[in-house]
Amino acid sequence: MAKFDDEKVVFQNVNVPNHTTRVDAEKYNAMKSAFLKIIAGFSA
């Protein structure tokens, strides 16, 4: 089943100027949440 556009997030690659990719919003937000939890542990 095809996903709708509102289920995608535009992701920018910091290593390649002006390059963007549309990624699955649910997976992206799960990855972002996990990453921020790990980073928060290093600030103590």
Protein backbone atom coordinates (compact mmCIF):
# COMPACT_ATOMS: atom_id res chain seq x y z
CA MET A 1 0.00 0.00 0.00
CA ALA A 2 1.41 3.41 -0.95
CA LYS A 3 2.06 5.97 1.75
CA PHE A 4 0.60 9.46 1.61
CA ASP A 5 2.84 12.54 1.49
CA ASP A 6 1.86 13.56 5.03
CA GLU A 7 3.59 10.41 6.30
CA LYS A 8 6.95 11.60 4.95
CA VAL A 9 9.54 14.05 6.29
CA VAL A 10 12.07 15.99 4.23
CA PHE A 11 15.54 15.08 5.51
CA GLN A 12 18.55 17.23 4.59
CA ASN A 13 22.00 15.70 4.21
CA VAL A 14 24.55 17.99 5.89
CA ASN A 15 27.38 16.42 3.87
CA VAL A 16 25.83 17.23 0.48
CA PRO A 17 24.58 20.81 0.09
CA ASN A 18 21.02 21.19 -1.19
CA HIS A 19 20.36 17.42 -1.14
CA THR A 20 17.10 16.38 0.48
CA THR A 21 15.41 13.01 0.82
CA ARG A 22 11.83 12.17 1.79
CA VAL A 23 11.80 9.56 4.56
CA ASP A 24 9.10 7.74 6.52
CA ALA A 25 7.93 10.12 9.28
CA GLU A 26 7.22 7.43 11.88
CA LYS A 27 10.65 5.81 11.52
CA TYR A 28 12.39 9.19 11.43
CA ASN A 29 10.67 10.39 14.62
CA ALA A 30 11.46 7.10 16.41
CA MET A 31 15.14 7.43 15.42
CA LYS A 32 15.22 11.09 16.46
CA SER A 33 13.69 10.30 19.85
CA ALA A 34 16.17 7.48 20.51
CA PHE A 35 19.11 9.65 19.43
CA LEU A 36 18.06 12.55 21.67
CA LYS A 37 17.74 10.21 24.67
CA ILE A 38 21.29 8.96 24.09
CA ILE A 39 22.68 12.48 23.66
CA ALA A 40 20.91 13.67 26.84
CA GLY A 41 22.85 11.04 28.80
CA PHE A 42 26.17 12.60 27.78
CA SER A 43 25.30 16.09 29.00
CA ALA A 44 25.37 15.13 32.69
